[in-house]
Each structure stands twice: as C-alpha cells, then as structure tokens.
Amino acid sequence: MISPPQSMFFGAVLLIALSMTPSEALAQQAGDDSPSRLSDQPIPLVDEDQIRPNPPLIQIGPGLLTTGELGSGFTLPTGAVWRPSLWIYGSFRSGVNSVDPAPGGGRILELANRLDLFANLQLSGTERILIGMQPLQEEGRFSRYVWHPTSDEGWTTESSTKLTTFFFEGEIGEIFPRLDPTDHLPLDIGFSVGRWGIDLQDGMLVNDKMDAVGLTKFFPVAGTSTTRFTLFYGWAELHRDDNVLTEETKLYGISTEADTLQHTIEADLVYIRSPESEGGNGIYAGLGSQQRIKAFGRVFNSTVRLMNSHALDQSNAQVSDGTLLFAETSTSPFGTRDNAYLTAFIGFGEFSSAARGPTKGGPLGKAGLLFAAPGLGRFKPALGNRADNSVGGAIGYQWMLEGDLRQLVVEAGGRAPLEGEGTSSIAAGLRYQQKISDNMMAQVDGYSRRNEGDDWGQGLRAEIVVKF
C-alpha cells in the first residue's frame, strides 16, 4: 500500500512531469483569446498624490522611494557618474515559541528576539556598498527569556558586533565607461566582493553568507532569450551542512541560468575544499527547471529540482553522499487571488548542502510550513527539514483576505523512510498573518504532529515583525 506521503509525491511528480512536454494549449496562449494577453486599453498613471511611500528609518541624499528630477552628482575619473545616497533600514522580530514535546523530549517555552540592521550606500543604479549586522544573536543562538526547560529559566543574552553583511557590488562597464565609449566591448560584467549571501537551487544546494567574490556575465545562446554565467569563490565564514562555522573551508562554484520559451533552467556545480577536521572535501551539483503549464483547464506554476552531493573523503555530518529530487506546483483557483500548492520530495542516501547558514536548518525548508525553519529561537519545524532516505511532501491553501491585509495558510503533510529504518510522521499546520500598520505585522504559526508509535505533539508560536 502507498502511504499518504508517497501518494502526494507521486501525484506531484506526475503533474509536474507534464511541464516538460510542449502542448498545443501552450502555443494557443499566444492567441487573442489568451487570458495572459495584455489589454489594448491604456492604463492611466497613478496620481502622485496617491503614492504613499514607506521610507527607510534614515535616508541621506536621494530618497529610496521619492520622485522628481535626478541631481547632477559627480563624475569619477573613470567617467562614471555617482549620486550617493545612504539608506539605513532593518527589521525587528520578537516571538513566543512553545513546543511540546520538543525534539529530544521535554518542552520549550521561550521569548526570542532578532534584530537585523542594514546600511546601504547607493552610489549609482548598479553600484552600492551594503553593510549589515545582527546584534541580538550569535551563530544561530538568539537573545531570549526561557520559562521551560526550568534548567534554562531566565534571560540569556546573545550579542554580536560582527558584520554579517559587508560587500561592494557593481558592473565593470558602468564603473569604467571611458574604456568603451561606443559600448562595443564585452565589459558588462557584474561583480560582488565581500561578505554576501549565495543562494543556489532556491537555497537547497547553497544558502549561506560568506566572504566571497563573484563575477556574472550574460551571453546570447541559441534557443534562449538570455543566459547567465556566474563564477564565485568563497574563502571564509562558511557554514557546512551541519550549520556550523568553519575556519579553513573554501568554496568554488559555477552557476548558470537560461530562459527558454517555456522554461527557466538552472544548473550549478560546487566544489568544497576543506580539511578533515572540518568535514573534508565534497562536490555538489544541481539542476532545476521552472515553468508555467496549462493542464485540466488551469495554469500551474511548477518547479522540479534534482541535486546530488558526494563526499570525496569520508561521509560525516558536514558532507555525505546523497540525491534529492524536489517538485512543487501551485495555482490560483478560478475567481480568486488565493494560492493552492503541492510539494513533494524523495531523498536517496544522505543528501547534504554545500553550505548552510546557522539559522537555515536543512535543505527541505521550501517544502512547506511544516518543513521550514522560522529563523527565530528554538522552534523546530514539525516534520524536520533533512532529506535523508525519505519521501514526503505537503499540500496547502493560502487565502488572501480583506484586500491582502491578512492571509491564512492551512497545510497538511507527511514523510516516511524509504527503508525499514526511521519513523513515519504526519502533521497539519497553519499560519495567520495580519497587517497592523505600514511597518508592523503580526504572525501566528501552529502545528500538530504525530510520529509513528508516539502521541501527538504540538507547536505554537506568535511573533511581531517591525520593519523600519
């Protein structure tokens, strides 16, 4: 008999497999009767008096959301024109987490806090310097007040003055326009250098901030509208698959993305060079395809990803051999702005990401609310987010309510081991979000979970998010 998680997986794979086959229905969408066709009637501009910008906490120079004439700025010896402006912004999250029983047994009841601060020095449309820090946490540990377990009761302060983001990015052709006044040379090469985030295969293959340099170039390739190639090298501040910071590990990678008529295709290859004390060497690869398909009278957004990891030395918590196949699809039911979605995954062996930040959990965070790490406190996802030798997925529905001022997501999911070892789990969860003001939002998450052979467990969290 096929278990519920397995049936969800095979149903999703069957549905998304349709996306890889061109159909006459897709070709007909270019006709006059296509629901995606732009109207011939002009849409009037919004009156400027109706625009209500929500500016950053501090802005010096040209505003982020202001309108009007551009200032003259100043010209560099290279010929580039810069109009500097400084924007300081961020977000504050404070939430109560309750998990019973918590992973490993017992109960967790705590108040956790998180502060993200950024200073953006915008120099031009393509050049900027971004600095960021997280002063209320240290390597995934948050400042918190604990009620349970009683052994940890009281305030625990986690603080850090380390810059979690610090990079300069730009484009060579825009910085040195006098090198090519007729714009004929291939100098449109984007770059970033410093401490910044690398995200590959929607965060499943790599999802970490590190000291790195990257170069990006777009090339014309037959059969595509545009194709991007990115080379990058990370030399410090890397976290391995176990979310632990390393000191000597290096990352080398190439990332490509191509837009075709029906698909956006991503292909990535990463090599990790690391001493045995930090896990050893590994090689990682990922292939993904995103597309819109028409089936059963509806238009579906779908994504399929296939990823592999291989330990060049011994397998361990930092790197191991495994393959992960992930699929998701979503659609807006007729006559609504809601979102119905289905996700599925199957993991062979012990797939490991090349790099994962301290609050990112495992690679399955995109599989749904029941798998996602909230990034605040010790609240763990109901179904976990590791993909070792397992199959599972989730089905959910998102209601957009009261002019998008509030939304409700309800989700059910499960997972089961591929072999005899391990336990099956099922869970149901929800998320409710409510806008309080232009800068503030309230959010409530909850789930009920049952592991095979155990009683039901619950998790509940409520938080306030302030953006400034």
Protein backbone atom coordinates (compact mmCIF):
# COMPACT_ATOMS: atom_id res chain seq x y z
CA MET A 1 0.00 0.00 0.00
CA ILE A 2 1.22 3.50 -0.81
CA SER A 3 1.38 5.72 2.28
CA PRO A 4 -0.08 9.30 2.22
CA PRO A 5 3.36 10.94 1.85
CA GLN A 6 4.22 8.61 -1.03
CA SER A 7 0.93 9.25 -2.80
CA MET A 8 1.46 13.02 -2.52
CA PHE A 9 4.92 12.63 -4.00
CA PHE A 10 3.91 10.52 -6.99
CA GLY A 11 0.91 12.75 -7.65
CA ALA A 12 3.10 15.84 -7.75
CA VAL A 13 5.72 14.23 -9.96
CA LEU A 14 3.04 13.10 -12.42
CA LEU A 15 1.54 16.59 -12.55
CA ILE A 16 4.83 18.42 -12.91
CA ALA A 17 6.16 15.98 -15.48
CA LEU A 18 3.58 17.45 -17.83
CA SER A 19 5.56 20.68 -17.72
CA MET A 20 8.45 19.13 -19.59
CA THR A 21 6.28 18.37 -22.68
CA PRO A 22 5.19 21.17 -25.03
CA SER A 23 1.49 21.17 -25.76
CA GLU A 24 -0.83 22.82 -28.21
CA ALA A 25 -2.55 24.57 -25.32
CA LEU A 26 0.67 26.40 -24.54
CA ALA A 27 1.05 27.53 -28.12
CA GLN A 28 -2.55 28.77 -28.24
CA GLN A 29 -1.87 31.09 -25.27
CA ALA A 30 -0.20 33.47 -27.71
CA GLY A 31 -3.56 34.00 -29.44
CA ASP A 32 -6.06 36.80 -28.95
CA ASP A 33 -8.13 34.74 -26.53
CA SER A 34 -5.26 34.10 -24.13
CA PRO A 35 -6.02 35.19 -20.53
CA SER A 36 -2.41 36.40 -20.32
CA ARG A 37 -2.76 38.80 -23.27
CA LEU A 38 -2.20 42.47 -22.42
CA SER A 39 -5.16 44.78 -22.90
CA ASP A 40 -5.23 47.27 -25.79
CA GLN A 41 -6.67 49.91 -23.46
CA PRO A 42 -4.09 52.22 -21.88
CA ILE A 43 -3.88 52.23 -18.09
CA PRO A 44 -3.62 55.77 -16.69
CA LEU A 45 -0.73 56.71 -14.44
CA VAL A 46 -1.37 56.80 -10.70
CA ASP A 47 -1.65 60.34 -9.42
CA GLU A 48 1.46 61.27 -7.43
CA ASP A 49 -0.74 62.44 -4.53
CA GLN A 50 -1.95 58.84 -4.12
CA ILE A 51 1.57 57.46 -3.67
CA ARG A 52 2.33 56.85 0.00
CA PRO A 53 5.98 55.81 0.27
CA ASN A 54 7.17 53.99 3.36
CA PRO A 55 10.75 55.27 3.59
CA PRO A 56 13.68 53.70 5.46
CA LEU A 57 14.50 54.70 9.02
CA ILE A 58 17.19 57.14 7.83
CA GLN A 59 17.91 58.37 4.32
CA ILE A 60 20.53 60.92 3.35
CA GLY A 61 20.64 62.10 -0.24
CA PRO A 62 18.16 60.95 -2.92
CA GLY A 63 15.35 59.03 -1.26
CA LEU A 64 14.64 55.38 -1.90
CA LEU A 65 11.01 55.96 -2.92
CA THR A 66 10.95 59.66 -3.82
CA THR A 67 10.08 61.06 -7.25
CA GLY A 68 11.40 64.06 -9.21
CA GLU A 69 14.49 65.14 -11.08
CA LEU A 70 17.84 63.45 -10.56
CA GLY A 71 20.66 65.53 -9.15
CA SER A 72 23.81 66.13 -11.16
CA GLY A 73 26.00 64.05 -8.84
CA PHE A 74 29.72 63.96 -9.58
CA THR A 75 31.86 62.34 -12.25
CA LEU A 76 34.69 59.95 -11.42
CA PRO A 77 37.98 59.97 -13.37
CA THR A 78 36.74 56.75 -14.98
CA GLY A 79 33.74 58.61 -16.44
CA ALA A 80 31.12 57.09 -14.13
CA VAL A 81 28.52 59.44 -12.63
CA TRP A 82 27.66 58.73 -9.00
CA ARG A 83 24.81 60.22 -6.97
CA PRO A 84 25.46 58.86 -3.45
CA SER A 85 22.63 58.24 -1.02
CA LEU A 86 22.59 56.44 2.33
CA TRP A 87 19.63 54.35 3.47
CA ILE A 88 19.53 52.77 6.92
CA TYR A 89 16.81 50.18 7.46
CA GLY A 90 16.12 46.85 9.11
CA SER A 91 13.65 44.63 10.90
CA PHE A 92 12.92 43.52 14.45
CA ARG A 93 11.24 40.23 15.31
CA SER A 94 10.03 39.19 18.74
CA GLY A 95 8.14 35.96 19.27
CA VAL A 96 6.99 33.42 21.83
CA ASN A 97 7.77 29.81 20.95
CA SER A 98 6.09 26.80 22.53
CA VAL A 99 6.92 23.21 21.53
CA ASP A 100 5.63 20.15 23.43
CA PRO A 101 7.33 17.78 23.22
CA ALA A 102 10.46 19.37 21.81
CA PRO A 103 12.92 17.34 19.72
CA GLY A 104 14.82 15.20 22.20
CA GLY A 105 11.96 15.30 24.72
CA GLY A 106 10.74 17.87 27.23
CA ARG A 107 9.09 21.18 26.50
CA ILE A 108 10.32 24.53 25.20
CA LEU A 109 8.63 27.80 26.13
CA GLU A 110 10.60 30.96 25.38
CA LEU A 111 10.55 34.53 24.14
CA ALA A 112 13.15 35.08 21.40
CA ASN A 113 14.28 38.31 19.73
CA ARG A 114 16.03 39.10 16.47
CA LEU A 115 17.30 42.40 15.05
CA ASP A 116 18.64 42.84 11.51
CA LEU A 117 20.24 46.22 10.69
CA PHE A 118 21.47 47.39 7.28
CA ALA A 119 23.18 50.47 5.87
CA ASN A 120 23.00 50.78 2.08
CA LEU A 121 25.28 53.32 0.39
CA GLN A 122 23.80 53.60 -3.10
CA LEU A 123 26.33 55.10 -5.50
CA SER A 124 24.51 54.60 -8.81
CA GLY A 125 21.92 52.33 -10.34
CA THR A 126 24.42 49.45 -10.46
CA GLU A 127 26.98 50.20 -7.71
CA ARG A 128 26.45 50.07 -3.98
CA ILE A 129 28.01 49.13 -0.64
CA LEU A 130 25.82 47.18 1.81
CA ILE A 131 26.67 46.65 5.48
CA GLY A 132 24.56 44.52 7.84
CA MET A 133 24.68 43.10 11.35
CA GLN A 134 22.55 41.04 13.74
CA PRO A 135 23.33 42.32 17.24
CA LEU A 136 20.84 40.12 19.15
CA GLN A 137 22.16 36.74 18.05
CA GLU A 138 25.37 34.78 17.78
CA GLU A 139 25.74 31.89 15.32
CA GLY A 140 22.05 30.96 15.39
CA ARG A 141 21.57 31.49 19.13
CA PHE A 142 19.09 34.30 19.93
CA SER A 143 18.68 36.59 22.90
CA ARG A 144 15.76 35.06 24.80
CA TYR A 145 13.83 34.59 28.00
CA VAL A 146 13.17 30.93 28.85
CA TRP A 147 10.37 29.52 31.00
CA HIS A 148 10.90 25.86 30.02
CA PRO A 149 13.04 23.89 30.47
CA THR A 150 13.41 25.19 34.01
CA SER A 151 17.13 24.43 33.93
CA ASP A 152 17.48 27.33 31.43
CA GLU A 153 14.92 29.63 33.07
CA GLY A 154 15.67 33.33 32.84
CA TRP A 155 17.27 35.73 30.39
CA THR A 156 20.01 34.61 28.07
CA THR A 157 21.75 37.38 26.14
CA GLU A 158 23.33 36.56 22.83
CA SER A 159 25.04 39.52 21.18
CA SER A 160 27.48 40.11 18.38
CA THR A 161 29.12 43.10 16.76
CA LYS A 162 30.34 41.06 13.79
CA LEU A 163 29.28 42.29 10.37
CA THR A 164 27.11 39.59 8.83
CA THR A 165 26.95 41.50 5.52
CA PHE A 166 29.63 43.74 4.02
CA PHE A 167 30.13 43.86 0.27
CA PHE A 168 30.57 46.09 -2.76
CA GLU A 169 28.84 45.23 -6.00
CA GLY A 170 28.77 46.85 -9.40
CA GLU A 171 29.37 46.44 -13.11
CA ILE A 172 32.75 46.95 -14.76
CA GLY A 173 31.33 48.67 -17.85
CA GLU A 174 29.38 51.17 -15.72
CA ILE A 175 32.35 51.98 -13.48
CA PHE A 176 34.75 52.45 -16.43
CA PRO A 177 32.61 53.85 -19.29
CA ARG A 178 35.59 55.69 -20.81
CA LEU A 179 37.18 52.34 -21.64
CA ASP A 180 34.38 51.74 -24.14
CA PRO A 181 32.68 55.00 -25.18
CA THR A 182 30.86 53.29 -28.08
CA ASP A 183 29.66 50.39 -25.89
CA HIS A 184 31.09 47.69 -28.16
CA LEU A 185 33.39 45.86 -25.73
CA PRO A 186 32.06 42.99 -23.55
CA LEU A 187 32.56 44.90 -20.30
CA ASP A 188 29.06 44.38 -18.92
CA ILE A 189 30.42 42.08 -16.22
CA GLY A 190 28.75 42.26 -12.83
CA PHE A 191 30.73 41.52 -9.70
CA SER A 192 30.38 41.35 -5.94
CA VAL A 193 33.16 41.17 -3.36
CA GLY A 194 32.92 40.98 0.40
CA ARG A 195 30.57 39.14 2.79
CA TRP A 196 27.35 38.33 0.96
CA GLY A 197 24.80 35.57 0.54
CA ILE A 198 24.99 32.81 -2.07
CA ASP A 199 21.71 31.03 -2.85
CA LEU A 200 21.67 28.13 -5.32
CA GLN A 201 18.74 25.92 -6.33
CA ASP A 202 16.35 28.03 -4.26
CA GLY A 203 18.60 27.61 -1.21
CA MET A 204 18.67 23.82 -1.29
CA LEU A 205 22.19 23.43 -2.69
CA VAL A 206 23.76 26.52 -1.08
CA ASN A 207 22.20 29.00 1.35
CA ASP A 208 24.83 30.90 3.32
CA LYS A 209 26.60 34.24 3.76
CA MET A 210 30.35 34.06 3.31
CA ASP A 211 33.40 36.10 2.35
CA ALA A 212 33.39 35.67 -1.39
CA VAL A 213 33.93 37.18 -4.81
CA GLY A 214 31.64 36.58 -7.75
CA LEU A 215 31.62 37.51 -11.45
CA THR A 216 28.48 37.44 -13.62
CA LYS A 217 28.14 37.71 -17.38
CA PHE A 218 25.14 37.35 -19.71
CA PHE A 219 25.69 35.65 -23.07
CA PRO A 220 23.48 35.18 -26.12
CA VAL A 221 22.83 31.47 -26.51
CA ALA A 222 20.74 29.95 -29.30
CA GLY A 223 17.30 28.89 -28.10
CA THR A 224 17.30 31.21 -25.08
CA SER A 225 16.33 34.82 -24.53
CA THR A 226 19.20 35.26 -22.10
CA THR A 227 21.75 33.05 -20.37
CA ARG A 228 23.66 33.97 -17.21
CA PHE A 229 27.01 32.53 -16.11
CA THR A 230 28.37 33.24 -12.62
CA LEU A 231 31.72 32.20 -11.17
CA PHE A 232 32.32 32.57 -7.43
CA TYR A 233 34.89 31.76 -4.80
CA GLY A 234 34.29 31.80 -1.04
CA TRP A 235 37.24 31.81 1.30
CA ALA A 236 35.92 32.45 4.85
CA GLU A 237 32.85 32.48 7.11
CA LEU A 238 31.39 29.33 5.50
CA HIS A 239 28.99 27.02 7.33
CA ARG A 240 28.79 23.37 6.30
CA ASP A 241 25.64 21.24 6.06
CA ASP A 242 25.54 20.96 9.86
CA ASN A 243 25.14 24.78 10.10
CA VAL A 244 28.47 25.07 11.95
CA LEU A 245 31.01 27.80 11.14
CA THR A 246 34.33 26.73 9.63
CA GLU A 247 37.73 28.43 9.55
CA GLU A 248 39.67 26.88 6.65
CA THR A 249 36.97 25.65 4.26
CA LYS A 250 36.91 27.12 0.73
CA LEU A 251 34.11 27.08 -1.85
CA TYR A 252 34.43 27.17 -5.64
CA GLY A 253 31.39 27.27 -7.86
CA ILE A 254 29.76 27.98 -11.19
CA SER A 255 26.09 28.86 -11.58
CA THR A 256 24.16 29.15 -14.85
CA GLU A 257 20.60 30.15 -15.69
CA ALA A 258 18.86 30.22 -19.08
CA ASP A 259 15.41 31.46 -20.11
CA THR A 260 13.80 29.49 -22.92
CA LEU A 261 10.32 29.85 -24.40
CA GLN A 262 8.76 27.58 -21.80
CA HIS A 263 11.33 27.11 -19.02
CA THR A 264 13.85 28.81 -16.78
CA ILE A 265 16.66 26.29 -16.37
CA GLU A 266 19.32 26.44 -13.63
CA ALA A 267 22.48 24.34 -13.48
CA ASP A 268 25.03 24.66 -10.65
CA LEU A 269 28.29 22.95 -9.74
CA VAL A 270 30.14 23.49 -6.43
CA TYR A 271 33.40 22.12 -5.05
CA ILE A 272 34.25 22.36 -1.34
CA ARG A 273 37.89 22.14 -0.27
CA SER A 274 38.10 21.52 3.45
CA PRO A 275 40.47 19.90 5.95
CA GLU A 276 39.36 16.64 7.55
CA SER A 277 38.84 18.45 10.86
CA GLU A 278 36.06 20.48 9.18
CA GLY A 279 34.46 17.63 7.24
CA GLY A 280 36.70 17.07 4.24
CA ASN A 281 36.22 17.72 0.54
CA GLY A 282 32.98 17.41 -1.37
CA ILE A 283 31.41 18.03 -4.77
CA TYR A 284 27.81 19.10 -5.34
CA ALA A 285 25.60 19.54 -8.40
CA GLY A 286 22.08 20.81 -9.01
CA LEU A 287 19.71 21.05 -11.98
CA GLY A 288 16.37 22.85 -11.83
CA SER A 289 13.58 23.86 -14.18
CA GLN A 290 10.75 26.33 -13.61
CA GLN A 291 7.79 26.67 -15.94
CA ARG A 292 4.14 27.59 -16.36
CA ILE A 293 1.95 24.84 -17.75
CA LYS A 294 -1.68 24.54 -18.76
CA ALA A 295 -3.48 21.40 -17.63
CA PHE A 296 -7.00 20.49 -16.51
CA GLY A 297 -8.18 23.91 -17.66
CA ARG A 298 -5.87 25.74 -15.26
CA VAL A 299 -2.46 27.40 -15.43
CA PHE A 300 0.09 25.94 -12.99
CA ASN A 301 3.46 27.25 -11.83
CA SER A 302 5.83 24.35 -11.34
CA THR A 303 9.42 23.67 -10.32
CA VAL A 304 11.49 20.50 -10.50
CA ARG A 305 14.97 20.21 -8.92
CA LEU A 306 17.49 17.37 -8.89
CA MET A 307 20.55 17.70 -6.63
CA ASN A 308 23.44 15.45 -5.68
CA SER A 309 26.21 15.58 -3.08
CA HIS A 310 29.32 13.42 -2.92
CA ALA A 311 31.93 13.21 -0.17
CA LEU A 312 35.41 12.92 -1.67
CA ASP A 313 36.72 11.69 1.67
CA GLN A 314 34.65 10.05 4.42
CA SER A 315 30.93 10.80 4.89
CA ASN A 316 30.09 12.74 8.02
CA ALA A 317 27.77 15.44 9.36
CA GLN A 318 29.38 18.07 7.11
CA VAL A 319 29.29 16.20 3.78
CA SER A 320 27.77 12.90 2.68
CA ASP A 321 26.59 11.04 -0.41
CA GLY A 322 23.00 11.52 -1.49
CA THR A 323 20.49 12.65 -4.09
CA LEU A 324 17.44 14.85 -3.59
CA LEU A 325 14.56 15.17 -6.05
CA PHE A 326 12.16 18.02 -5.24
CA ALA A 327 9.00 19.11 -7.04
CA GLU A 328 6.36 21.74 -6.39
CA THR A 329 3.36 23.17 -8.21
CA SER A 330 0.83 25.91 -7.45
CA THR A 331 -2.15 27.64 -8.99
CA SER A 332 -4.70 30.34 -8.23
CA PRO A 333 -8.18 28.79 -8.08
CA PHE A 334 -10.64 30.29 -10.56
CA GLY A 335 -12.08 33.63 -9.49
CA THR A 336 -9.71 34.11 -6.54
CA ARG A 337 -6.34 35.61 -5.70
CA ASP A 338 -5.65 32.67 -3.41
CA ASN A 339 -2.88 30.12 -3.86
CA ALA A 340 -3.18 26.33 -3.79
CA TYR A 341 0.08 24.37 -3.75
CA LEU A 342 1.56 20.91 -3.59
CA THR A 343 5.15 19.90 -2.84
CA ALA A 344 6.92 16.56 -2.88
CA PHE A 345 10.42 15.22 -2.35
CA ILE A 346 12.36 12.00 -2.30
CA GLY A 347 15.84 11.67 -0.83
CA PHE A 348 18.18 8.79 -1.65
CA GLY A 349 21.10 8.38 0.71
CA GLU A 350 22.07 11.40 2.83
CA PHE A 351 22.00 14.48 0.64
CA SER A 352 23.99 17.39 2.09
CA SER A 353 24.09 21.03 1.04
CA ALA A 354 27.43 22.59 0.22
CA ALA A 355 26.88 25.46 2.68
CA ARG A 356 24.02 26.36 5.04
CA GLY A 357 23.79 29.35 7.39
CA PRO A 358 23.33 28.88 11.14
CA THR A 359 19.57 29.66 11.04
CA LYS A 360 18.75 27.91 7.76
CA GLY A 361 18.12 24.37 9.00
CA GLY A 362 18.17 21.67 6.33
CA PRO A 363 17.55 21.74 2.57
CA LEU A 364 13.80 20.99 2.74
CA GLY A 365 12.72 24.38 4.08
CA LYS A 366 11.00 25.14 0.74
CA ALA A 367 8.78 22.05 1.04
CA GLY A 368 6.21 23.96 3.12
CA LEU A 369 5.41 25.48 6.51
CA LEU A 370 5.75 22.08 8.18
CA PHE A 371 9.36 21.81 6.98
CA ALA A 372 10.58 25.43 7.20
CA ALA A 373 12.93 26.76 9.87
CA PRO A 374 11.42 30.02 11.26
CA GLY A 375 14.83 31.61 11.92
CA LEU A 376 13.86 32.77 15.42
CA GLY A 377 14.56 30.85 18.62
CA ARG A 378 14.50 27.08 19.08
CA PHE A 379 11.16 26.39 17.36
CA LYS A 380 11.76 23.37 15.12
CA PRO A 381 9.63 22.52 12.07
CA ALA A 382 7.01 19.84 12.61
CA LEU A 383 8.38 17.42 10.01
CA GLY A 384 12.05 18.42 10.06
CA ASN A 385 13.93 19.61 7.01
CA ARG A 386 16.55 16.93 6.36
CA ALA A 387 16.06 14.66 3.36
CA ASP A 388 17.96 11.53 4.42
CA ASN A 389 16.45 8.35 2.89
CA SER A 390 12.90 9.64 2.98
CA VAL A 391 9.89 10.56 0.88
CA GLY A 392 7.20 13.10 1.65
CA GLY A 393 5.58 16.40 0.87
CA ALA A 394 2.80 18.82 1.72
CA ILE A 395 -0.44 20.20 0.32
CA GLY A 396 -1.70 23.64 1.30
CA TYR A 397 -4.02 26.54 0.58
CA GLN A 398 -3.37 30.24 1.12
CA TRP A 399 -6.36 32.58 1.48
CA MET A 400 -5.81 36.28 0.71
CA LEU A 401 -8.26 38.15 2.94
CA GLU A 402 -9.51 41.70 3.32
CA GLY A 403 -7.67 43.23 0.40
CA ASP A 404 -4.46 41.32 1.24
CA LEU A 405 -4.29 42.91 4.69
CA ARG A 406 -4.40 39.44 6.19
CA GLN A 407 -3.80 35.92 4.99
CA LEU A 408 -4.34 32.40 6.24
CA VAL A 409 -2.40 29.32 5.16
CA VAL A 410 -3.53 25.79 6.05
CA GLU A 411 -1.25 22.85 5.28
CA ALA A 412 -1.08 19.08 5.75
CA GLY A 413 1.94 16.92 5.10
CA GLY A 414 3.91 13.85 5.95
CA ARG A 415 7.10 11.94 5.45
CA ALA A 416 8.19 8.29 5.57
CA PRO A 417 11.51 6.44 5.41
CA LEU A 418 12.47 4.77 2.16
CA GLU A 419 13.77 1.73 4.00
CA GLY A 420 12.94 -0.01 7.25
CA GLU A 421 14.94 2.35 9.45
CA GLY A 422 13.30 5.54 10.69
CA THR A 423 9.74 6.53 11.52
CA SER A 424 6.87 8.00 9.54
CA SER A 425 5.32 11.32 10.53
CA ILE A 426 2.18 13.24 9.65
CA ALA A 427 1.28 16.79 10.59
CA ALA A 428 -1.17 19.62 9.99
CA GLY A 429 -0.33 23.29 10.43
CA LEU A 430 -1.42 26.84 9.78
CA ARG A 431 -0.07 30.35 9.51
CA TYR A 432 -2.04 33.56 10.07
CA GLN A 433 -0.61 36.97 9.19
CA GLN A 434 -2.23 40.32 9.93
CA LYS A 435 -1.06 43.77 8.88
CA ILE A 436 -1.11 46.16 11.83
CA SER A 437 0.41 49.22 10.17
CA ASP A 438 2.65 50.06 7.21
CA ASN A 439 5.64 48.93 9.32
CA MET A 440 4.21 46.22 11.56
CA MET A 441 2.78 42.74 11.13
CA ALA A 442 1.58 40.01 13.49
CA GLN A 443 2.07 36.32 12.69
CA VAL A 444 0.88 33.12 14.35
CA ASP A 445 2.12 29.63 13.41
CA GLY A 446 0.88 26.36 14.80
CA TYR A 447 1.04 22.63 14.09
CA SER A 448 0.01 19.26 15.41
CA ARG A 449 2.30 16.34 14.64
CA ARG A 450 2.31 12.61 15.21
CA ASN A 451 5.35 10.38 14.80
CA GLU A 452 4.74 6.69 14.21
CA GLY A 453 4.32 4.98 17.58
CA ASP A 454 4.16 8.23 19.56
CA ASP A 455 1.43 10.52 20.85
CA TRP A 456 0.54 13.78 19.14
CA GLY A 457 2.83 16.74 19.73
CA GLN A 458 2.10 20.44 19.26
CA GLY A 459 3.94 23.58 18.41
CA LEU A 460 2.70 27.17 18.62
CA ARG A 461 4.44 30.46 18.03
CA ALA A 462 3.36 34.09 17.81
CA GLU A 463 5.54 37.00 16.77
CA ILE A 464 5.52 40.68 15.94
CA VAL A 465 7.54 41.85 12.96
CA VAL A 466 8.53 45.52 12.68
CA LYS A 467 10.22 46.79 9.52
CA PHE A 468 11.85 50.21 9.51
